[in-house]
Amino acid sequence: MTEDPVIREISAAVERSPDAIELRLHLAELLINRGRHAEALAHCSAVLTNEPGNATALALLQQCSAALAGTPGPPRATAQRFDWSAAEEEVAHIVEPAFVEQPADPVDDGDYDVVRRTTLTLVDVAGMEQVKTQLELALLAPMRNPELAKAFNLTARGGLLLYGPPGCGKTFIAKAIAGEIGANFYPIGIADVLHSWLGDTERAIKSIFETARRNAPCVLFFDEVDALGHRRSGLAGASGLRVVVNTLLEELDSATSVNDGVYVLGATNSPWDVDPAMRRPGRFDRMIFVGLPDRAARAAIAKLNLADKPVAGIDLATIAARTENLSGADVAHICTTATQLAMAESLRSGQVRPITMTDINAAIEQVRPSAGPWFDTARNVVEFSNSDGTYDDLAKYLRTKKFR
């Protein structure tokens, strides 16, 4: 039986960007629609490992479990985070677009007017002082001191790429940058860009940039930019993602586009998979490494994830000390697991029992660092692909953290 081209294309994108939660949930939805519940179940579980409590993943997981058990599943969740109404057509026409004559649902500028303000600033980012310093030098200082920047021939034009292991707060930092400069925040994922019909993907990208320009000053944030701007040399000749890369390059290029007041940020777990042309001057020409959260950041993450829950005797300093080398997502998972332990006992006793350090310690024993495989890859990149010094900051970090 020939593989469904929709499934094949999105599965390949998930393999390239395994931590792209939105993309993986999209694939799970498509698999469920085709009755492939066991495969969909695996993708839902992978999402919940990285983002415990994800409502969409839980709803799809319940649906898969019911189908595999041979019992009627619950109604499909109505409050999904993503619009997948066009899932049946999602990638089939990208694979062979030459025969498409008329688009079914033309792209409308208004579809992308999701720009919003954020109240976050870098003050809300606990710890991470080295990252803040680099942000100040690379982006914020030229914006705050335009005359001084002009004297040193510095500019805030072009793009900034945040990279590092998954679950370490790159999106949070991007929001804080927008709040720091009083700009609108406009997040973009692969589902906002990829469309089924010939020409719609290009129009989507152009519409996104036009919306950002209309709402300037604006931080235009591309999450999982390696999925959107993957190396063209690694893409199949008929892949629709080539169109994404080419159009992105055109819109980013200051020679062909006027992006005054639009500050383009990208986040990626795999900068080595980003097309080299995306990192030329005027595009994503500056890179900042965002590593694992330091002790202050881990304490703040634990405090945030335990807020508004019944707690007793929680020692944030101890939590921070015992979670060395864990990602922010890992720390959040520990808090979720501890909450579940306390809730389970409360259900047995019929009385609310607060979360204690006993629950936290038990949860810490259960959670293993999720960033290990990422650092294995990063170590190889530093050793064999850093002749131009692109990853010197990463190399220094690996030595400091004794990852090599």
Protein backbone atom coordinates (compact mmCIF):
# COMPACT_ATOMS: atom_id res chain seq x y z
CA MET A 1 0.00 0.00 0.00
CA THR A 2 1.36 3.39 -1.01
CA GLU A 3 2.07 5.74 1.90
CA ASP A 4 -0.30 8.69 2.17
CA PRO A 5 1.67 11.72 0.85
CA VAL A 6 0.18 13.89 3.62
CA ILE A 7 1.49 11.56 6.31
CA ARG A 8 4.82 11.08 4.55
CA GLU A 9 5.57 14.82 4.27
CA ILE A 10 4.57 15.72 7.83
CA SER A 11 6.30 12.65 9.28
CA ALA A 12 9.53 13.77 7.59
CA ALA A 13 9.10 17.26 9.08
CA VAL A 14 8.58 15.73 12.57
CA GLU A 15 11.74 13.66 12.17
CA ARG A 16 13.68 16.83 11.36
CA SER A 17 12.11 18.74 14.28
CA PRO A 18 11.06 16.16 16.90
CA ASP A 19 10.34 18.82 19.53
CA ALA A 20 7.91 20.82 17.37
CA ILE A 21 4.82 20.13 19.47
CA GLU A 22 2.37 21.82 17.12
CA LEU A 23 3.61 19.79 14.16
CA ARG A 24 3.55 16.49 16.08
CA LEU A 25 -0.03 17.08 17.25
CA HIS A 26 -0.99 17.86 13.67
CA LEU A 27 0.46 14.51 12.60
CA ALA A 28 -1.37 12.70 15.41
CA GLU A 29 -4.65 14.23 14.25
CA LEU A 30 -4.04 13.08 10.69
CA LEU A 31 -3.18 9.55 11.85
CA ILE A 32 -6.37 9.36 13.90
CA ASN A 33 -8.39 10.47 10.90
CA ARG A 34 -6.94 7.51 9.00
CA GLY A 35 -7.52 5.02 11.81
CA ARG A 36 -3.83 4.64 12.68
CA HIS A 37 -4.42 5.03 16.41
CA ALA A 38 -1.33 3.21 17.69
CA GLU A 39 0.98 5.53 15.77
CA ALA A 40 -1.02 8.57 16.87
CA LEU A 41 -0.80 7.38 20.48
CA ALA A 42 3.01 7.37 20.31
CA HIS A 43 3.06 10.97 19.07
CA CYS A 44 0.64 12.11 21.81
CA SER A 45 2.86 10.47 24.42
CA ALA A 46 5.92 12.23 23.00
CA VAL A 47 4.14 15.59 23.28
CA LEU A 48 3.11 14.91 26.89
CA THR A 49 6.70 14.02 27.76
CA ASN A 50 7.82 17.49 26.67
CA GLU A 51 4.69 19.37 27.73
CA PRO A 52 2.77 17.56 30.51
CA GLY A 53 -0.86 18.60 30.69
CA ASN A 54 -1.16 19.66 27.04
CA ALA A 55 -4.95 19.71 26.60
CA THR A 56 -4.95 18.79 22.92
CA ALA A 57 -2.56 15.88 23.42
CA LEU A 58 -4.63 14.56 26.34
CA ALA A 59 -7.83 14.73 24.30
CA LEU A 60 -6.24 12.91 21.36
CA LEU A 61 -4.63 10.38 23.71
CA GLN A 62 -8.01 9.56 25.24
CA GLN A 63 -9.48 9.16 21.77
CA CYS A 64 -6.68 6.79 20.72
CA SER A 65 -6.94 4.73 23.91
CA ALA A 66 -10.69 4.33 23.48
CA ALA A 67 -10.30 3.28 19.84
CA LEU A 68 -7.58 0.74 20.63
CA ALA A 69 -9.68 -0.67 23.46
CA GLY A 70 -12.62 -1.06 21.10
CA THR A 71 -14.85 1.34 23.03
CA PRO A 72 -16.46 4.54 21.71
CA GLY A 73 -14.17 7.47 22.23
CA PRO A 74 -15.18 10.83 23.68
CA PRO A 75 -16.14 13.66 21.35
CA ARG A 76 -13.11 15.33 19.78
CA ALA A 77 -11.89 18.30 21.82
CA THR A 78 -13.56 21.51 20.71
CA ALA A 79 -11.03 23.87 22.25
CA GLN A 80 -7.93 22.81 20.36
CA ARG A 81 -5.08 25.25 20.24
CA PHE A 82 -4.60 24.88 16.52
CA ASP A 83 -6.89 25.06 13.51
CA TRP A 84 -6.51 21.83 11.57
CA SER A 85 -9.75 21.99 9.60
CA ALA A 86 -7.79 21.58 6.36
CA ALA A 87 -5.92 18.50 7.59
CA GLU A 88 -7.24 16.28 4.79
CA GLU A 89 -5.49 18.42 2.20
CA GLU A 90 -2.55 19.65 4.27
CA VAL A 91 0.46 18.41 2.34
CA ALA A 92 -0.81 16.29 -0.54
CA HIS A 93 -0.84 19.20 -2.96
CA ILE A 94 2.51 20.52 -1.78
CA VAL A 95 4.20 17.33 -2.95
CA GLU A 96 2.92 17.69 -6.53
CA PRO A 97 1.61 21.27 -6.84
CA ALA A 98 2.02 21.69 -10.58
CA PHE A 99 -1.44 20.37 -11.38
CA VAL A 100 -3.37 22.67 -9.02
CA GLU A 101 -5.40 25.23 -10.91
CA GLN A 102 -7.56 27.00 -8.34
CA PRO A 103 -7.01 27.35 -4.60
CA ALA A 104 -9.96 26.32 -2.47
CA ASP A 105 -9.42 28.79 0.37
CA PRO A 106 -7.29 31.76 -0.64
CA VAL A 107 -5.12 33.27 2.05
CA ASP A 108 -6.57 36.39 3.61
CA ASP A 109 -4.44 38.98 5.39
CA GLY A 110 -6.86 38.96 8.30
CA ASP A 111 -6.10 35.29 8.99
CA TYR A 112 -2.79 36.34 10.51
CA ASP A 113 -3.77 39.38 12.55
CA VAL A 114 -2.85 37.74 15.86
CA VAL A 115 -0.33 40.36 16.96
CA ARG A 116 -0.58 41.10 20.64
CA ARG A 117 1.07 43.04 23.43
CA THR A 118 2.98 41.32 26.19
CA THR A 119 3.62 42.60 29.69
CA LEU A 120 6.69 40.42 30.18
CA THR A 121 10.13 42.03 30.31
CA LEU A 122 13.60 40.68 30.94
CA VAL A 123 13.08 41.39 34.64
CA ASP A 124 10.65 38.46 34.57
CA VAL A 125 13.40 36.16 33.28
CA ALA A 126 15.02 34.80 36.43
CA GLY A 127 18.77 34.19 36.27
CA MET A 128 20.21 33.68 32.75
CA GLU A 129 22.41 36.75 33.20
CA GLN A 130 24.80 35.84 30.40
CA VAL A 131 21.89 35.55 27.94
CA LYS A 132 20.54 38.93 29.07
CA THR A 133 23.96 40.52 28.62
CA GLN A 134 24.25 39.20 25.07
CA LEU A 135 20.72 40.38 24.26
CA GLU A 136 21.61 43.83 25.53
CA LEU A 137 24.70 44.04 23.36
CA ALA A 138 23.30 42.42 20.22
CA LEU A 139 19.81 43.94 20.11
CA LEU A 140 18.62 46.17 22.90
CA ALA A 141 21.52 48.61 23.27
CA PRO A 142 21.50 49.74 19.59
CA MET A 143 17.74 50.28 19.84
CA ARG A 144 17.94 52.32 23.05
CA ASN A 145 20.93 54.39 21.92
CA PRO A 146 20.54 54.96 18.17
CA GLU A 147 23.04 57.83 17.95
CA LEU A 148 25.73 55.95 19.86
CA ALA A 149 25.02 52.84 17.80
CA LYS A 150 25.42 54.89 14.64
CA ALA A 151 28.83 56.11 15.82
CA PHE A 152 29.96 52.49 16.21
CA ASN A 153 28.20 51.44 13.00
CA LEU A 154 25.89 49.11 14.91
CA THR A 155 22.33 48.38 13.91
CA ALA A 156 19.30 46.49 15.20
CA ARG A 157 18.33 45.47 11.67
CA GLY A 158 18.45 41.86 10.64
CA GLY A 159 17.38 38.93 12.77
CA LEU A 160 18.39 37.27 16.00
CA LEU A 161 18.41 33.50 16.41
CA LEU A 162 18.01 31.96 19.86
CA TYR A 163 19.24 28.36 19.98
CA GLY A 164 19.75 25.71 22.59
CA PRO A 165 18.27 22.52 24.07
CA PRO A 166 14.47 22.14 24.11
CA GLY A 167 12.43 23.33 27.06
CA CYS A 168 14.80 26.09 28.18
CA GLY A 169 12.67 29.21 27.69
CA LYS A 170 13.54 30.54 24.25
CA THR A 171 9.92 31.49 23.52
CA PHE A 172 9.58 33.10 26.95
CA ILE A 173 12.70 35.18 26.30
CA ALA A 174 11.34 36.28 22.92
CA LYS A 175 8.14 37.50 24.57
CA ALA A 176 10.20 39.32 27.20
CA ILE A 177 12.22 41.08 24.48
CA ALA A 178 9.00 42.36 22.92
CA GLY A 179 7.84 43.67 26.29
CA GLU A 180 11.26 45.17 27.01
CA ILE A 181 11.09 47.39 23.93
CA GLY A 182 7.34 48.04 24.09
CA ALA A 183 6.70 46.23 20.81
CA ASN A 184 3.89 43.98 19.66
CA PHE A 185 4.57 40.24 19.72
CA TYR A 186 3.68 38.13 16.70
CA PRO A 187 4.45 34.37 17.05
CA ILE A 188 4.57 32.17 13.96
CA GLY A 189 4.65 28.37 13.73
CA ILE A 190 4.88 26.01 10.79
CA ALA A 191 1.08 25.50 10.71
CA ASP A 192 0.69 29.25 10.11
CA VAL A 193 2.85 28.99 7.02
CA LEU A 194 2.31 25.67 5.27
CA HIS A 195 -0.75 25.57 3.01
CA SER A 196 -2.07 22.97 0.63
CA TRP A 197 -2.51 24.95 -2.53
CA LEU A 198 -0.03 26.30 -5.03
CA GLY A 199 0.93 29.87 -4.14
CA ASP A 200 -0.83 29.95 -0.75
CA THR A 201 2.37 29.30 1.21
CA GLU A 202 4.13 32.24 -0.45
CA ARG A 203 1.10 34.47 0.13
CA ALA A 204 0.95 33.37 3.76
CA ILE A 205 4.57 34.39 4.40
CA LYS A 206 4.14 37.73 2.63
CA SER A 207 0.93 38.37 4.60
CA ILE A 208 2.73 37.61 7.88
CA PHE A 209 5.44 40.17 7.16
CA GLU A 210 2.90 42.74 5.94
CA THR A 211 0.92 42.31 9.16
CA ALA A 212 4.10 42.76 11.23
CA ARG A 213 4.98 45.95 9.30
CA ARG A 214 1.48 47.35 9.85
CA ASN A 215 1.85 46.71 13.59
CA ALA A 216 5.39 48.06 13.96
CA PRO A 217 7.17 48.23 16.28
CA CYS A 218 6.74 44.49 16.27
CA VAL A 219 8.75 41.44 17.28
CA LEU A 220 8.09 38.81 14.61
CA PHE A 221 8.93 35.49 16.22
CA PHE A 222 9.47 32.29 14.23
CA ASP A 223 9.39 29.27 16.53
CA GLU A 224 11.15 26.07 15.43
CA VAL A 225 12.76 28.04 12.61
CA ASP A 226 14.69 24.95 11.52
CA ALA A 227 11.38 23.36 10.50
CA LEU A 228 10.50 26.43 8.43
CA GLY A 229 13.96 27.25 7.10
CA HIS A 230 15.47 23.79 6.79
CA ARG A 231 18.60 23.30 4.70
CA ARG A 232 17.45 23.17 1.10
CA SER A 233 20.20 20.68 0.31
CA GLY A 234 18.45 18.24 2.64
CA LEU A 235 14.98 18.67 1.21
CA ALA A 236 13.45 16.50 -1.48
CA GLY A 237 13.23 18.18 -4.88
CA ALA A 238 9.43 18.39 -4.78
CA SER A 239 9.13 19.42 -1.13
CA GLY A 240 6.92 22.42 -0.48
CA LEU A 241 9.34 23.50 2.25
CA ARG A 242 11.73 24.77 -0.43
CA VAL A 243 9.14 27.42 -1.24
CA VAL A 244 9.02 28.40 2.44
CA VAL A 245 12.79 28.88 2.61
CA ASN A 246 13.00 30.90 -0.61
CA THR A 247 10.12 33.21 0.31
CA LEU A 248 11.43 33.70 3.84
CA LEU A 249 14.81 34.72 2.45
CA GLU A 250 13.15 37.25 0.18
CA GLU A 251 11.10 38.81 2.99
CA LEU A 252 14.04 38.89 5.40
CA ASP A 253 16.46 40.44 2.93
CA SER A 254 16.83 44.18 3.52
CA ALA A 255 17.72 44.63 -0.14
CA THR A 256 14.25 43.56 -1.26
CA SER A 257 12.08 44.34 1.78
CA VAL A 258 11.65 47.31 4.12
CA ASN A 259 11.32 45.95 7.64
CA ASP A 260 11.84 49.11 9.66
CA GLY A 261 10.40 48.59 13.12
CA VAL A 262 10.08 44.83 12.59
CA TYR A 263 12.52 42.88 14.77
CA VAL A 264 12.74 39.30 13.58
CA LEU A 265 13.55 36.65 16.18
CA GLY A 266 13.85 32.94 15.65
CA ALA A 267 14.15 30.00 18.02
CA THR A 268 15.54 26.60 17.19
CA ASN A 269 16.84 23.50 18.88
CA SER A 270 18.85 22.63 15.76
CA PRO A 271 20.67 25.64 14.31
CA TRP A 272 22.88 23.28 12.31
CA ASP A 273 19.77 22.32 10.30
CA VAL A 274 18.92 25.93 9.35
CA ASP A 275 19.70 26.81 5.74
CA PRO A 276 23.05 28.70 5.65
CA ALA A 277 21.47 31.45 3.54
CA MET A 278 19.12 32.20 6.44
CA ARG A 279 22.09 33.29 8.57
CA ARG A 280 23.72 35.75 6.19
CA PRO A 281 23.92 39.47 7.06
CA GLY A 282 20.53 41.12 7.21
CA ARG A 283 18.75 37.86 7.98
CA PHE A 284 19.30 35.74 11.13
CA ASP A 285 22.82 37.09 11.33
CA ARG A 286 23.24 36.98 15.11
CA MET A 287 22.99 33.87 17.31
CA ILE A 288 22.62 33.62 21.08
CA PHE A 289 22.94 30.34 22.94
CA VAL A 290 20.23 29.73 25.57
CA GLY A 291 21.43 26.91 27.79
CA LEU A 292 19.87 25.01 30.66
CA PRO A 293 18.32 27.22 33.36
CA ASP A 294 20.70 28.20 36.14
CA ARG A 295 19.87 27.81 39.82
CA ALA A 296 17.92 31.06 40.11
CA ALA A 297 15.92 30.22 37.00
CA ARG A 298 15.11 26.71 38.24
CA ALA A 299 13.84 28.09 41.55
CA ALA A 300 11.66 30.59 39.69
CA ILE A 301 10.28 27.87 37.40
CA ALA A 302 9.39 25.70 40.39
CA LYS A 303 7.73 28.63 42.14
CA LEU A 304 5.68 29.45 39.05
CA ASN A 305 4.53 25.85 38.54
CA LEU A 306 3.56 25.42 42.18
CA ALA A 307 1.67 28.70 42.37
CA ASP A 308 -2.05 28.50 43.21
CA LYS A 309 -1.64 24.92 44.46
CA PRO A 310 -1.86 23.71 48.08
CA VAL A 311 1.73 23.44 49.31
CA ALA A 312 3.47 22.98 52.65
CA GLY A 313 7.14 23.20 53.54
CA ILE A 314 8.37 23.71 49.98
CA ASP A 315 12.06 24.66 49.83
CA LEU A 316 12.79 26.28 46.46
CA ALA A 317 16.53 26.43 47.14
CA THR A 318 16.63 22.66 47.64
CA ILE A 319 14.63 22.07 44.47
CA ALA A 320 17.03 24.27 42.52
CA ALA A 321 20.05 22.48 43.96
CA ARG A 322 18.68 19.01 43.15
CA THR A 323 17.70 19.82 39.56
CA GLU A 324 21.13 20.61 38.14
CA ASN A 325 21.36 19.82 34.41
CA LEU A 326 17.58 19.68 34.01
CA SER A 327 15.71 21.81 31.50
CA GLY A 328 12.93 24.18 32.44
CA ALA A 329 10.45 21.68 31.03
CA ASP A 330 11.96 18.98 33.26
CA VAL A 331 11.52 21.16 36.35
CA ALA A 332 7.93 21.88 35.35
CA HIS A 333 7.38 18.14 34.88
CA ILE A 334 8.69 17.50 38.38
CA CYS A 335 6.15 19.95 39.79
CA THR A 336 3.36 18.31 37.78
CA THR A 337 4.38 14.84 38.96
CA ALA A 338 4.55 15.99 42.59
CA THR A 339 1.09 17.52 42.21
CA GLN A 340 -0.26 14.22 40.87
CA LEU A 341 1.27 12.30 43.78
CA ALA A 342 -0.37 14.61 46.34
CA MET A 343 -3.67 14.53 44.48
CA ALA A 344 -3.67 10.72 44.30
CA GLU A 345 -3.26 10.48 48.06
CA SER A 346 -5.93 13.12 48.58
CA LEU A 347 -8.34 11.08 46.45
CA ARG A 348 -7.64 7.98 48.56
CA SER A 349 -8.12 9.79 51.87
CA GLY A 350 -10.95 12.09 50.80
CA GLN A 351 -9.10 15.10 52.19
CA VAL A 352 -6.88 17.63 50.45
CA ARG A 353 -3.25 17.01 51.28
CA PRO A 354 -0.82 19.76 50.27
CA ILE A 355 2.21 19.14 48.08
CA THR A 356 5.30 18.64 50.22
CA MET A 357 9.01 18.17 49.65
CA THR A 358 8.42 14.42 49.98
CA ASP A 359 6.37 14.60 46.78
CA ILE A 360 8.97 16.82 45.12
CA ASN A 361 11.81 14.46 46.05
CA ALA A 362 9.86 11.45 44.78
CA ALA A 363 9.18 13.28 41.52
CA ILE A 364 12.85 14.22 41.12
CA GLU A 365 13.77 10.54 41.37
CA GLN A 366 11.37 9.73 38.54
CA VAL A 367 12.42 12.46 36.09
CA ARG A 368 15.56 12.08 34.00
CA PRO A 369 17.27 14.93 32.12
CA SER A 370 15.59 15.28 28.73
CA ALA A 371 18.37 17.30 27.12
CA GLY A 372 20.97 14.52 27.07
CA PRO A 373 20.44 13.53 23.42
CA TRP A 374 20.58 17.19 22.39
CA PHE A 375 23.96 17.62 24.05
CA ASP A 376 25.24 14.45 22.37
CA THR A 377 24.44 16.02 19.00
CA ALA A 378 25.79 19.42 20.08
CA ARG A 379 29.08 17.88 21.14
CA ASN A 380 29.51 16.32 17.70
CA VAL A 381 28.70 19.64 16.01
CA VAL A 382 31.28 21.46 18.13
CA GLU A 383 33.96 18.87 17.45
CA PHE A 384 33.44 18.41 13.73
CA SER A 385 31.51 21.44 12.37
CA ASN A 386 32.81 24.49 14.19
CA SER A 387 35.75 25.49 12.01
CA ASP A 388 34.31 28.99 11.53
CA GLY A 389 33.68 29.58 15.25
CA THR A 390 29.89 29.71 14.91
CA TYR A 391 29.41 27.54 17.98
CA ASP A 392 32.20 28.87 20.20
CA ASP A 393 29.69 29.91 22.88
CA LEU A 394 28.25 26.41 22.84
CA ALA A 395 31.73 24.88 23.06
CA LYS A 396 32.56 27.04 26.08
CA TYR A 397 29.28 26.07 27.73
CA LEU A 398 29.94 22.37 27.18
CA ARG A 399 33.34 22.69 28.83
CA THR A 400 31.91 24.66 31.75
CA LYS A 401 29.12 22.17 32.33
CA LYS A 402 31.50 19.24 31.82
CA PHE A 403 29.47 17.85 28.95
CA ARG A 404 32.65 17.04 27.05
